mmCIF file of all heavy atoms, coordinates in Angstrom:
data_MODEL
# 
_entry.id   MODEL 
# 
loop_
_atom_site.group_PDB 
_atom_site.id 
_atom_site.type_symbol 
_atom_site.label_atom_id 
_atom_site.label_alt_id 
_atom_site.label_comp_id 
_atom_site.label_asym_id 
_atom_site.label_entity_id 
_atom_site.label_seq_id 
_atom_site.pdbx_PDB_ins_code 
_atom_site.Cartn_x 
_atom_site.Cartn_y 
_atom_site.Cartn_z 
_atom_site.occupancy 
_atom_site.B_iso_or_equiv 
_atom_site.pdbx_formal_charge 
_atom_site.auth_seq_id 
_atom_site.auth_comp_id 
_atom_site.auth_asym_id 
_atom_site.auth_atom_id 
_atom_site.pdbx_PDB_model_num 
ATOM 1   N N   . ILE A 1 1  ? -5.470  2.505   -6.083 1.00 0.00 ? 1  ILE A N   1 
ATOM 2   C CA  . ILE A 1 1  ? -5.884  2.090   -4.747 1.00 0.00 ? 1  ILE A CA  1 
ATOM 3   C C   . ILE A 1 1  ? -7.068  1.132   -4.809 1.00 0.00 ? 1  ILE A C   1 
ATOM 4   O O   . ILE A 1 1  ? -7.372  0.430   -3.831 1.00 0.00 ? 1  ILE A O   1 
ATOM 5   C CB  . ILE A 1 1  ? -6.198  3.323   -3.870 1.00 0.00 ? 1  ILE A CB  1 
ATOM 6   C CG1 . ILE A 1 1  ? -6.001  2.990   -2.376 1.00 0.00 ? 1  ILE A CG1 1 
ATOM 7   C CG2 . ILE A 1 1  ? -7.590  3.864   -4.151 1.00 0.00 ? 1  ILE A CG2 1 
ATOM 8   C CD1 . ILE A 1 1  ? -4.581  2.701   -1.988 1.00 0.00 ? 1  ILE A CD1 1 
ATOM 9   N N   . TYR A 1 2  ? -7.746  1.065   -5.954 1.00 0.00 ? 2  TYR A N   1 
ATOM 10  C CA  . TYR A 1 2  ? -8.880  0.145   -6.108 1.00 0.00 ? 2  TYR A CA  1 
ATOM 11  C C   . TYR A 1 2  ? -8.430  -1.315  -6.045 1.00 0.00 ? 2  TYR A C   1 
ATOM 12  O O   . TYR A 1 2  ? -9.251  -2.206  -5.801 1.00 0.00 ? 2  TYR A O   1 
ATOM 13  C CB  . TYR A 1 2  ? -9.618  0.425   -7.424 1.00 0.00 ? 2  TYR A CB  1 
ATOM 14  C CG  . TYR A 1 2  ? -10.860 -0.425  -7.613 1.00 0.00 ? 2  TYR A CG  1 
ATOM 15  C CD1 . TYR A 1 2  ? -11.974 -0.258  -6.796 1.00 0.00 ? 2  TYR A CD1 1 
ATOM 16  C CD2 . TYR A 1 2  ? -10.908 -1.401  -8.609 1.00 0.00 ? 2  TYR A CD2 1 
ATOM 17  C CE1 . TYR A 1 2  ? -13.110 -1.049  -6.963 1.00 0.00 ? 2  TYR A CE1 1 
ATOM 18  C CE2 . TYR A 1 2  ? -12.040 -2.190  -8.789 1.00 0.00 ? 2  TYR A CE2 1 
ATOM 19  C CZ  . TYR A 1 2  ? -13.134 -2.007  -7.961 1.00 0.00 ? 2  TYR A CZ  1 
ATOM 20  O OH  . TYR A 1 2  ? -14.250 -2.794  -8.124 1.00 0.00 ? 2  TYR A OH  1 
ATOM 21  N N   . ILE A 1 3  ? -7.151  -1.565  -6.231 1.00 0.00 ? 3  ILE A N   1 
ATOM 22  C CA  . ILE A 1 3  ? -6.638  -2.931  -6.085 1.00 0.00 ? 3  ILE A CA  1 
ATOM 23  C C   . ILE A 1 3  ? -6.952  -3.457  -4.688 1.00 0.00 ? 3  ILE A C   1 
ATOM 24  O O   . ILE A 1 3  ? -7.181  -4.655  -4.483 1.00 0.00 ? 3  ILE A O   1 
ATOM 25  C CB  . ILE A 1 3  ? -5.124  -2.972  -6.371 1.00 0.00 ? 3  ILE A CB  1 
ATOM 26  C CG1 . ILE A 1 3  ? -4.868  -2.632  -7.848 1.00 0.00 ? 3  ILE A CG1 1 
ATOM 27  C CG2 . ILE A 1 3  ? -4.524  -4.341  -6.037 1.00 0.00 ? 3  ILE A CG2 1 
ATOM 28  C CD1 . ILE A 1 3  ? -3.395  -2.474  -8.204 1.00 0.00 ? 3  ILE A CD1 1 
ATOM 29  N N   . ALA A 1 4  ? -7.007  -2.560  -3.706 1.00 0.00 ? 4  ALA A N   1 
ATOM 30  C CA  . ALA A 1 4  ? -7.332  -2.965  -2.338 1.00 0.00 ? 4  ALA A CA  1 
ATOM 31  C C   . ALA A 1 4  ? -8.747  -3.524  -2.243 1.00 0.00 ? 4  ALA A C   1 
ATOM 32  O O   . ALA A 1 4  ? -9.021  -4.388  -1.400 1.00 0.00 ? 4  ALA A O   1 
ATOM 33  C CB  . ALA A 1 4  ? -7.164  -1.785  -1.382 1.00 0.00 ? 4  ALA A CB  1 
ATOM 34  N N   . ASP A 1 5  ? -9.657  -3.040  -3.088 1.00 0.00 ? 5  ASP A N   1 
ATOM 35  C CA  . ASP A 1 5  ? -11.026 -3.562  -3.072 1.00 0.00 ? 5  ASP A CA  1 
ATOM 36  C C   . ASP A 1 5  ? -11.040 -5.033  -3.479 1.00 0.00 ? 5  ASP A C   1 
ATOM 37  O O   . ASP A 1 5  ? -11.774 -5.849  -2.908 1.00 0.00 ? 5  ASP A O   1 
ATOM 38  C CB  . ASP A 1 5  ? -11.918 -2.737  -3.999 1.00 0.00 ? 5  ASP A CB  1 
ATOM 39  C CG  . ASP A 1 5  ? -12.162 -1.335  -3.456 1.00 0.00 ? 5  ASP A CG  1 
ATOM 40  O OD1 . ASP A 1 5  ? -11.187 -0.575  -3.295 1.00 0.00 ? 5  ASP A OD1 1 
ATOM 41  O OD2 . ASP A 1 5  ? -13.314 -0.996  -3.175 1.00 0.00 ? 5  ASP A OD2 1 
ATOM 42  N N   . ALA A 1 6  ? -10.223 -5.362  -4.475 1.00 0.00 ? 6  ALA A N   1 
ATOM 43  C CA  . ALA A 1 6  ? -10.107 -6.757  -4.896 1.00 0.00 ? 6  ALA A CA  1 
ATOM 44  C C   . ALA A 1 6  ? -9.463  -7.592  -3.794 1.00 0.00 ? 6  ALA A C   1 
ATOM 45  O O   . ALA A 1 6  ? -9.882  -8.724  -3.520 1.00 0.00 ? 6  ALA A O   1 
ATOM 46  C CB  . ALA A 1 6  ? -9.301  -6.849  -6.185 1.00 0.00 ? 6  ALA A CB  1 
ATOM 47  N N   . ALA A 1 7  ? -8.437  -7.033  -3.152 1.00 0.00 ? 7  ALA A N   1 
ATOM 48  C CA  . ALA A 1 7  ? -7.761  -7.746  -2.071 1.00 0.00 ? 7  ALA A CA  1 
ATOM 49  C C   . ALA A 1 7  ? -8.699  -7.994  -0.898 1.00 0.00 ? 7  ALA A C   1 
ATOM 50  O O   . ALA A 1 7  ? -8.679  -9.065  -0.277 1.00 0.00 ? 7  ALA A O   1 
ATOM 51  C CB  . ALA A 1 7  ? -6.536  -6.961  -1.618 1.00 0.00 ? 7  ALA A CB  1 
ATOM 52  N N   . LEU A 1 8  ? -9.532  -7.011  -0.590 1.00 0.00 ? 8  LEU A N   1 
ATOM 53  C CA  . LEU A 1 8  ? -10.520 -7.166  0.485  1.00 0.00 ? 8  LEU A CA  1 
ATOM 54  C C   . LEU A 1 8  ? -11.486 -8.303  0.162  1.00 0.00 ? 8  LEU A C   1 
ATOM 55  O O   . LEU A 1 8  ? -11.811 -9.132  1.030  1.00 0.00 ? 8  LEU A O   1 
ATOM 56  C CB  . LEU A 1 8  ? -11.286 -5.857  0.672  1.00 0.00 ? 8  LEU A CB  1 
ATOM 57  C CG  . LEU A 1 8  ? -12.459 -5.881  1.659  1.00 0.00 ? 8  LEU A CG  1 
ATOM 58  C CD1 . LEU A 1 8  ? -11.971 -6.212  3.062  1.00 0.00 ? 8  LEU A CD1 1 
ATOM 59  C CD2 . LEU A 1 8  ? -13.193 -4.549  1.643  1.00 0.00 ? 8  LEU A CD2 1 
ATOM 60  N N   . TYR A 1 9  ? -11.926 -8.361  -1.083 1.00 0.00 ? 9  TYR A N   1 
ATOM 61  C CA  . TYR A 1 9  ? -12.824 -9.433  -1.507 1.00 0.00 ? 9  TYR A CA  1 
ATOM 62  C C   . TYR A 1 9  ? -12.135 -10.791 -1.355 1.00 0.00 ? 9  TYR A C   1 
ATOM 63  O O   . TYR A 1 9  ? -12.725 -11.751 -0.840 1.00 0.00 ? 9  TYR A O   1 
ATOM 64  C CB  . TYR A 1 9  ? -13.245 -9.207  -2.956 1.00 0.00 ? 9  TYR A CB  1 
ATOM 65  C CG  . TYR A 1 9  ? -14.144 -10.290 -3.513 1.00 0.00 ? 9  TYR A CG  1 
ATOM 66  C CD1 . TYR A 1 9  ? -15.491 -10.349 -3.173 1.00 0.00 ? 9  TYR A CD1 1 
ATOM 67  C CD2 . TYR A 1 9  ? -13.634 -11.256 -4.373 1.00 0.00 ? 9  TYR A CD2 1 
ATOM 68  C CE1 . TYR A 1 9  ? -16.308 -11.342 -3.683 1.00 0.00 ? 9  TYR A CE1 1 
ATOM 69  C CE2 . TYR A 1 9  ? -14.440 -12.256 -4.887 1.00 0.00 ? 9  TYR A CE2 1 
ATOM 70  C CZ  . TYR A 1 9  ? -15.778 -12.295 -4.537 1.00 0.00 ? 9  TYR A CZ  1 
ATOM 71  O OH  . TYR A 1 9  ? -16.587 -13.289 -5.035 1.00 0.00 ? 9  TYR A OH  1 
ATOM 72  N N   . LEU A 1 10 ? -10.877 -10.877 -1.763 1.00 0.00 ? 10 LEU A N   1 
ATOM 73  C CA  . LEU A 1 10 ? -10.137 -12.137 -1.672 1.00 0.00 ? 10 LEU A CA  1 
ATOM 74  C C   . LEU A 1 10 ? -9.867  -12.535 -0.215 1.00 0.00 ? 10 LEU A C   1 
ATOM 75  O O   . LEU A 1 10 ? -9.782  -13.723 0.103  1.00 0.00 ? 10 LEU A O   1 
ATOM 76  C CB  . LEU A 1 10 ? -8.821  -12.023 -2.435 1.00 0.00 ? 10 LEU A CB  1 
ATOM 77  C CG  . LEU A 1 10 ? -8.948  -11.897 -3.961 1.00 0.00 ? 10 LEU A CG  1 
ATOM 78  C CD1 . LEU A 1 10 ? -7.600  -11.585 -4.581 1.00 0.00 ? 10 LEU A CD1 1 
ATOM 79  C CD2 . LEU A 1 10 ? -9.536  -13.181 -4.552 1.00 0.00 ? 10 LEU A CD2 1 
ATOM 80  N N   . MET A 1 11 ? -9.721  -11.571 0.669  1.00 0.00 ? 11 MET A N   1 
ATOM 81  C CA  . MET A 1 11 ? -9.548  -11.865 2.093  1.00 0.00 ? 11 MET A CA  1 
ATOM 82  C C   . MET A 1 11 ? -10.668 -12.754 2.604  1.00 0.00 ? 11 MET A C   1 
ATOM 83  O O   . MET A 1 11 ? -10.444 -13.673 3.402  1.00 0.00 ? 11 MET A O   1 
ATOM 84  C CB  . MET A 1 11 ? -9.543  -10.566 2.913  1.00 0.00 ? 11 MET A CB  1 
ATOM 85  C CG  . MET A 1 11 ? -8.251  -9.802  2.920  1.00 0.00 ? 11 MET A CG  1 
ATOM 86  S SD  . MET A 1 11 ? -8.415  -8.220  3.808  1.00 0.00 ? 11 MET A SD  1 
ATOM 87  C CE  . MET A 1 11 ? -8.868  -8.785  5.453  1.00 0.00 ? 11 MET A CE  1 
ATOM 88  N N   . LYS A 1 12 ? -11.875 -12.460 2.142  1.00 0.00 ? 12 LYS A N   1 
ATOM 89  C CA  . LYS A 1 12 ? -13.065 -13.178 2.623  1.00 0.00 ? 12 LYS A CA  1 
ATOM 90  C C   . LYS A 1 12 ? -13.352 -14.442 1.820  1.00 0.00 ? 12 LYS A C   1 
ATOM 91  O O   . LYS A 1 12 ? -13.854 -15.430 2.369  1.00 0.00 ? 12 LYS A O   1 
ATOM 92  C CB  . LYS A 1 12 ? -14.272 -12.239 2.562  1.00 0.00 ? 12 LYS A CB  1 
ATOM 93  C CG  . LYS A 1 12 ? -14.096 -10.939 3.315  1.00 0.00 ? 12 LYS A CG  1 
ATOM 94  C CD  . LYS A 1 12 ? -13.941 -11.165 4.810  1.00 0.00 ? 12 LYS A CD  1 
ATOM 95  C CE  . LYS A 1 12 ? -13.845 -9.850  5.561  1.00 0.00 ? 12 LYS A CE  1 
ATOM 96  N NZ  . LYS A 1 12 ? -13.715 -10.054 7.027  1.00 0.00 ? 12 LYS A NZ  1 
ATOM 97  N N   . HIS A 1 13 ? -13.044 -14.418 0.524  1.00 0.00 ? 13 HIS A N   1 
ATOM 98  C CA  . HIS A 1 13 ? -13.450 -15.519 -0.344 1.00 0.00 ? 13 HIS A CA  1 
ATOM 99  C C   . HIS A 1 13 ? -12.330 -16.490 -0.698 1.00 0.00 ? 13 HIS A C   1 
ATOM 100 O O   . HIS A 1 13 ? -12.602 -17.598 -1.169 1.00 0.00 ? 13 HIS A O   1 
ATOM 101 C CB  . HIS A 1 13 ? -14.088 -14.957 -1.617 1.00 0.00 ? 13 HIS A CB  1 
ATOM 102 C CG  . HIS A 1 13 ? -15.373 -14.244 -1.353 1.00 0.00 ? 13 HIS A CG  1 
ATOM 103 N ND1 . HIS A 1 13 ? -16.597 -14.878 -1.331 1.00 0.00 ? 13 HIS A ND1 1 
ATOM 104 C CD2 . HIS A 1 13 ? -15.629 -12.933 -1.066 1.00 0.00 ? 13 HIS A CD2 1 
ATOM 105 C CE1 . HIS A 1 13 ? -17.551 -14.004 -1.065 1.00 0.00 ? 13 HIS A CE1 1 
ATOM 106 N NE2 . HIS A 1 13 ? -16.987 -12.815 -0.889 1.00 0.00 ? 13 HIS A NE2 1 
ATOM 107 N N   . LYS A 1 14 ? -11.083 -16.091 -0.465 1.00 0.00 ? 14 LYS A N   1 
ATOM 108 C CA  . LYS A 1 14 ? -9.952  -16.998 -0.673 1.00 0.00 ? 14 LYS A CA  1 
ATOM 109 C C   . LYS A 1 14 ? -8.986  -16.859 0.503  1.00 0.00 ? 14 LYS A C   1 
ATOM 110 O O   . LYS A 1 14 ? -7.866  -16.363 0.369  1.00 0.00 ? 14 LYS A O   1 
ATOM 111 C CB  . LYS A 1 14 ? -9.244  -16.702 -1.989 1.00 0.00 ? 14 LYS A CB  1 
ATOM 112 C CG  . LYS A 1 14 ? -10.034 -17.161 -3.213 1.00 0.00 ? 14 LYS A CG  1 
ATOM 113 C CD  . LYS A 1 14 ? -9.165  -17.180 -4.454 1.00 0.00 ? 14 LYS A CD  1 
ATOM 114 C CE  . LYS A 1 14 ? -9.928  -17.783 -5.638 1.00 0.00 ? 14 LYS A CE  1 
ATOM 115 N NZ  . LYS A 1 14 ? -9.074  -17.859 -6.864 1.00 0.00 ? 14 LYS A NZ  1 
ATOM 116 N N   . PRO A 1 15 ? -9.435  -17.313 1.688  1.00 0.00 ? 15 PRO A N   1 
ATOM 117 C CA  . PRO A 1 15 ? -8.615  -17.151 2.891  1.00 0.00 ? 15 PRO A CA  1 
ATOM 118 C C   . PRO A 1 15 ? -7.271  -17.861 2.796  1.00 0.00 ? 15 PRO A C   1 
ATOM 119 O O   . PRO A 1 15 ? -6.327  -17.504 3.512  1.00 0.00 ? 15 PRO A O   1 
ATOM 120 C CB  . PRO A 1 15 ? -9.492  -17.746 4.001  1.00 0.00 ? 15 PRO A CB  1 
ATOM 121 C CG  . PRO A 1 15 ? -10.453 -18.650 3.294  1.00 0.00 ? 15 PRO A CG  1 
ATOM 122 C CD  . PRO A 1 15 ? -10.718 -17.993 1.978  1.00 0.00 ? 15 PRO A CD  1 
ATOM 123 N N   . GLU A 1 16 ? -7.168  -18.856 1.897  1.00 0.00 ? 16 GLU A N   1 
ATOM 124 C CA  . GLU A 1 16 ? -5.903  -19.570 1.753  1.00 0.00 ? 16 GLU A CA  1 
ATOM 125 C C   . GLU A 1 16 ? -4.770  -18.666 1.264  1.00 0.00 ? 16 GLU A C   1 
ATOM 126 O O   . GLU A 1 16 ? -3.583  -19.003 1.390  1.00 0.00 ? 16 GLU A O   1 
ATOM 127 C CB  . GLU A 1 16 ? -6.070  -20.754 0.793  1.00 0.00 ? 16 GLU A CB  1 
ATOM 128 C CG  . GLU A 1 16 ? -6.420  -20.407 -0.635 1.00 0.00 ? 16 GLU A CG  1 
ATOM 129 C CD  . GLU A 1 16 ? -7.921  -20.283 -0.903 1.00 0.00 ? 16 GLU A CD  1 
ATOM 130 O OE1 . GLU A 1 16 ? -8.688  -20.143 0.086  1.00 0.00 ? 16 GLU A OE1 1 
ATOM 131 O OE2 . GLU A 1 16 ? -8.322  -20.342 -2.080 1.00 0.00 ? 16 GLU A OE2 1 
ATOM 132 N N   . LEU A 1 17 ? -5.129  -17.503 0.705  1.00 0.00 ? 17 LEU A N   1 
ATOM 133 C CA  . LEU A 1 17 ? -4.096  -16.557 0.283  1.00 0.00 ? 17 LEU A CA  1 
ATOM 134 C C   . LEU A 1 17 ? -3.409  -15.875 1.467  1.00 0.00 ? 17 LEU A C   1 
ATOM 135 O O   . LEU A 1 17 ? -2.324  -15.321 1.332  1.00 0.00 ? 17 LEU A O   1 
ATOM 136 C CB  . LEU A 1 17 ? -4.697  -15.483 -0.632 1.00 0.00 ? 17 LEU A CB  1 
ATOM 137 C CG  . LEU A 1 17 ? -5.077  -15.931 -2.046 1.00 0.00 ? 17 LEU A CG  1 
ATOM 138 C CD1 . LEU A 1 17 ? -5.894  -14.848 -2.750 1.00 0.00 ? 17 LEU A CD1 1 
ATOM 139 C CD2 . LEU A 1 17 ? -3.828  -16.263 -2.852 1.00 0.00 ? 17 LEU A CD2 1 
ATOM 140 N N   . GLY A 1 18 ? -4.077  -15.895 2.600  1.00 0.00 ? 18 GLY A N   1 
ATOM 141 C CA  . GLY A 1 18 ? -3.479  -15.329 3.805  1.00 0.00 ? 18 GLY A CA  1 
ATOM 142 C C   . GLY A 1 18 ? -3.442  -13.816 3.851  1.00 0.00 ? 18 GLY A C   1 
ATOM 143 O O   . GLY A 1 18 ? -2.613  -13.237 4.560  1.00 0.00 ? 18 GLY A O   1 
ATOM 144 N N   . ILE A 1 19 ? -4.309  -13.140 3.130  1.00 0.00 ? 19 ILE A N   1 
ATOM 145 C CA  . ILE A 1 19 ? -4.335  -11.672 3.155  1.00 0.00 ? 19 ILE A CA  1 
ATOM 146 C C   . ILE A 1 19 ? -4.914  -11.195 4.482  1.00 0.00 ? 19 ILE A C   1 
ATOM 147 O O   . ILE A 1 19 ? -6.031  -11.576 4.849  1.00 0.00 ? 19 ILE A O   1 
ATOM 148 C CB  . ILE A 1 19 ? -5.160  -11.108 1.986  1.00 0.00 ? 19 ILE A CB  1 
ATOM 149 C CG1 . ILE A 1 19 ? -4.547  -11.529 0.641  1.00 0.00 ? 19 ILE A CG1 1 
ATOM 150 C CG2 . ILE A 1 19 ? -5.238  -9.579  2.069  1.00 0.00 ? 19 ILE A CG2 1 
ATOM 151 C CD1 . ILE A 1 19 ? -5.377  -11.139 -0.564 1.00 0.00 ? 19 ILE A CD1 1 
ATOM 152 N N   . LYS A 1 20 ? -4.166  -10.395 5.199  1.00 0.00 ? 20 LYS A N   1 
ATOM 153 C CA  . LYS A 1 20 ? -4.610  -9.864  6.486  1.00 0.00 ? 20 LYS A CA  1 
ATOM 154 C C   . LYS A 1 20 ? -4.923  -8.376  6.423  1.00 0.00 ? 20 LYS A C   1 
ATOM 155 O O   . LYS A 1 20 ? -5.611  -7.841  7.301  1.00 0.00 ? 20 LYS A O   1 
ATOM 156 C CB  . LYS A 1 20 ? -3.542  -10.110 7.559  1.00 0.00 ? 20 LYS A CB  1 
ATOM 157 C CG  . LYS A 1 20 ? -3.158  -11.575 7.737  1.00 0.00 ? 20 LYS A CG  1 
ATOM 158 C CD  . LYS A 1 20 ? -4.342  -12.432 8.127  1.00 0.00 ? 20 LYS A CD  1 
ATOM 159 C CE  . LYS A 1 20 ? -3.928  -13.886 8.333  1.00 0.00 ? 20 LYS A CE  1 
ATOM 160 N NZ  . LYS A 1 20 ? -5.093  -14.763 8.600  1.00 0.00 ? 20 LYS A NZ  1 
ATOM 161 N N   . ASN A 1 21 ? -4.376  -7.731  5.427  1.00 0.00 ? 21 ASN A N   1 
ATOM 162 C CA  . ASN A 1 21 ? -4.570  -6.296  5.247  1.00 0.00 ? 21 ASN A CA  1 
ATOM 163 C C   . ASN A 1 21 ? -4.558  -6.037  3.743  1.00 0.00 ? 21 ASN A C   1 
ATOM 164 O O   . ASN A 1 21 ? -3.597  -6.408  3.071  1.00 0.00 ? 21 ASN A O   1 
ATOM 165 C CB  . ASN A 1 21 ? -3.448  -5.528  5.950  1.00 0.00 ? 21 ASN A CB  1 
ATOM 166 C CG  . ASN A 1 21 ? -3.596  -4.018  5.861  1.00 0.00 ? 21 ASN A CG  1 
ATOM 167 O OD1 . ASN A 1 21 ? -3.885  -3.464  4.799  1.00 0.00 ? 21 ASN A OD1 1 
ATOM 168 N ND2 . ASN A 1 21 ? -3.368  -3.329  6.973  1.00 0.00 ? 21 ASN A ND2 1 
ATOM 169 N N   . PRO A 1 22 ? -5.611  -5.426  3.180  1.00 0.00 ? 22 PRO A N   1 
ATOM 170 C CA  . PRO A 1 22 ? -5.677  -5.267  1.723  1.00 0.00 ? 22 PRO A CA  1 
ATOM 171 C C   . PRO A 1 22 ? -4.638  -4.309  1.149  1.00 0.00 ? 22 PRO A C   1 
ATOM 172 O O   . PRO A 1 22 ? -4.507  -4.201  -0.069 1.00 0.00 ? 22 PRO A O   1 
ATOM 173 C CB  . PRO A 1 22 ? -7.091  -4.740  1.488  1.00 0.00 ? 22 PRO A CB  1 
ATOM 174 C CG  . PRO A 1 22 ? -7.476  -4.079  2.767  1.00 0.00 ? 22 PRO A CG  1 
ATOM 175 C CD  . PRO A 1 22 ? -6.818  -4.889  3.837  1.00 0.00 ? 22 PRO A CD  1 
ATOM 176 N N   . TYR A 1 23 ? -3.888  -3.622  2.005  1.00 0.00 ? 23 TYR A N   1 
ATOM 177 C CA  . TYR A 1 23 ? -2.836  -2.717  1.537  1.00 0.00 ? 23 TYR A CA  1 
ATOM 178 C C   . TYR A 1 23 ? -1.448  -3.330  1.728  1.00 0.00 ? 23 TYR A C   1 
ATOM 179 O O   . TYR A 1 23 ? -0.443  -2.672  1.455  1.00 0.00 ? 23 TYR A O   1 
ATOM 180 C CB  . TYR A 1 23 ? -2.922  -1.381  2.273  1.00 0.00 ? 23 TYR A CB  1 
ATOM 181 C CG  . TYR A 1 23 ? -4.293  -0.754  2.167  1.00 0.00 ? 23 TYR A CG  1 
ATOM 182 C CD1 . TYR A 1 23 ? -5.203  -0.845  3.216  1.00 0.00 ? 23 TYR A CD1 1 
ATOM 183 C CD2 . TYR A 1 23 ? -4.691  -0.116  0.997  1.00 0.00 ? 23 TYR A CD2 1 
ATOM 184 C CE1 . TYR A 1 23 ? -6.477  -0.302  3.106  1.00 0.00 ? 23 TYR A CE1 1 
ATOM 185 C CE2 . TYR A 1 23 ? -5.960  0.431   0.877  1.00 0.00 ? 23 TYR A CE2 1 
ATOM 186 C CZ  . TYR A 1 23 ? -6.853  0.328   1.932  1.00 0.00 ? 23 TYR A CZ  1 
ATOM 187 O OH  . TYR A 1 23 ? -8.118  0.845   1.817  1.00 0.00 ? 23 TYR A OH  1 
ATOM 188 N N   . ALA A 1 24 ? -1.401  -4.585  2.200  1.00 0.00 ? 24 ALA A N   1 
ATOM 189 C CA  . ALA A 1 24 ? -0.140  -5.288  2.417  1.00 0.00 ? 24 ALA A CA  1 
ATOM 190 C C   . ALA A 1 24 ? -0.192  -6.594  1.632  1.00 0.00 ? 24 ALA A C   1 
ATOM 191 O O   . ALA A 1 24 ? -0.665  -7.617  2.135  1.00 0.00 ? 24 ALA A O   1 
ATOM 192 C CB  . ALA A 1 24 ? 0.078   -5.563  3.903  1.00 0.00 ? 24 ALA A CB  1 
ATOM 193 N N   . LEU A 1 25 ? 0.291   -6.558  0.394  1.00 0.00 ? 25 LEU A N   1 
ATOM 194 C CA  . LEU A 1 25 ? 0.181   -7.710  -0.496 1.00 0.00 ? 25 LEU A CA  1 
ATOM 195 C C   . LEU A 1 25 ? 1.558   -8.161  -0.969 1.00 0.00 ? 25 LEU A C   1 
ATOM 196 O O   . LEU A 1 25 ? 2.297   -7.377  -1.577 1.00 0.00 ? 25 LEU A O   1 
ATOM 197 C CB  . LEU A 1 25 ? -0.685  -7.346  -1.706 1.00 0.00 ? 25 LEU A CB  1 
ATOM 198 C CG  . LEU A 1 25 ? -2.095  -6.803  -1.400 1.00 0.00 ? 25 LEU A CG  1 
ATOM 199 C CD1 . LEU A 1 25 ? -2.797  -6.410  -2.688 1.00 0.00 ? 25 LEU A CD1 1 
ATOM 200 C CD2 . LEU A 1 25 ? -2.914  -7.818  -0.626 1.00 0.00 ? 25 LEU A CD2 1 
ATOM 201 N N   . ASP A 1 26 ? 1.888   -9.421  -0.695 1.00 0.00 ? 26 ASP A N   1 
ATOM 202 C CA  . ASP A 1 26 ? 3.132   -9.974  -1.224 1.00 0.00 ? 26 ASP A CA  1 
ATOM 203 C C   . ASP A 1 26 ? 2.907   -10.379 -2.683 1.00 0.00 ? 26 ASP A C   1 
ATOM 204 O O   . ASP A 1 26 ? 1.823   -10.154 -3.241 1.00 0.00 ? 26 ASP A O   1 
ATOM 205 C CB  . ASP A 1 26 ? 3.623   -11.142 -0.367 1.00 0.00 ? 26 ASP A CB  1 
ATOM 206 C CG  . ASP A 1 26 ? 2.638   -12.317 -0.294 1.00 0.00 ? 26 ASP A CG  1 
ATOM 207 O OD1 . ASP A 1 26 ? 1.888   -12.546 -1.284 1.00 0.00 ? 26 ASP A OD1 1 
ATOM 208 O OD2 . ASP A 1 26 ? 2.625   -13.015 0.736  1.00 0.00 ? 26 ASP A OD2 1 
# 
């Protein structure tokens, strides 16, 4: 589940990835 912490960080620092929810990753 710690992968979500990385996804949360990327949400803010790499918005071009389009992450809207750190538990919903394509």
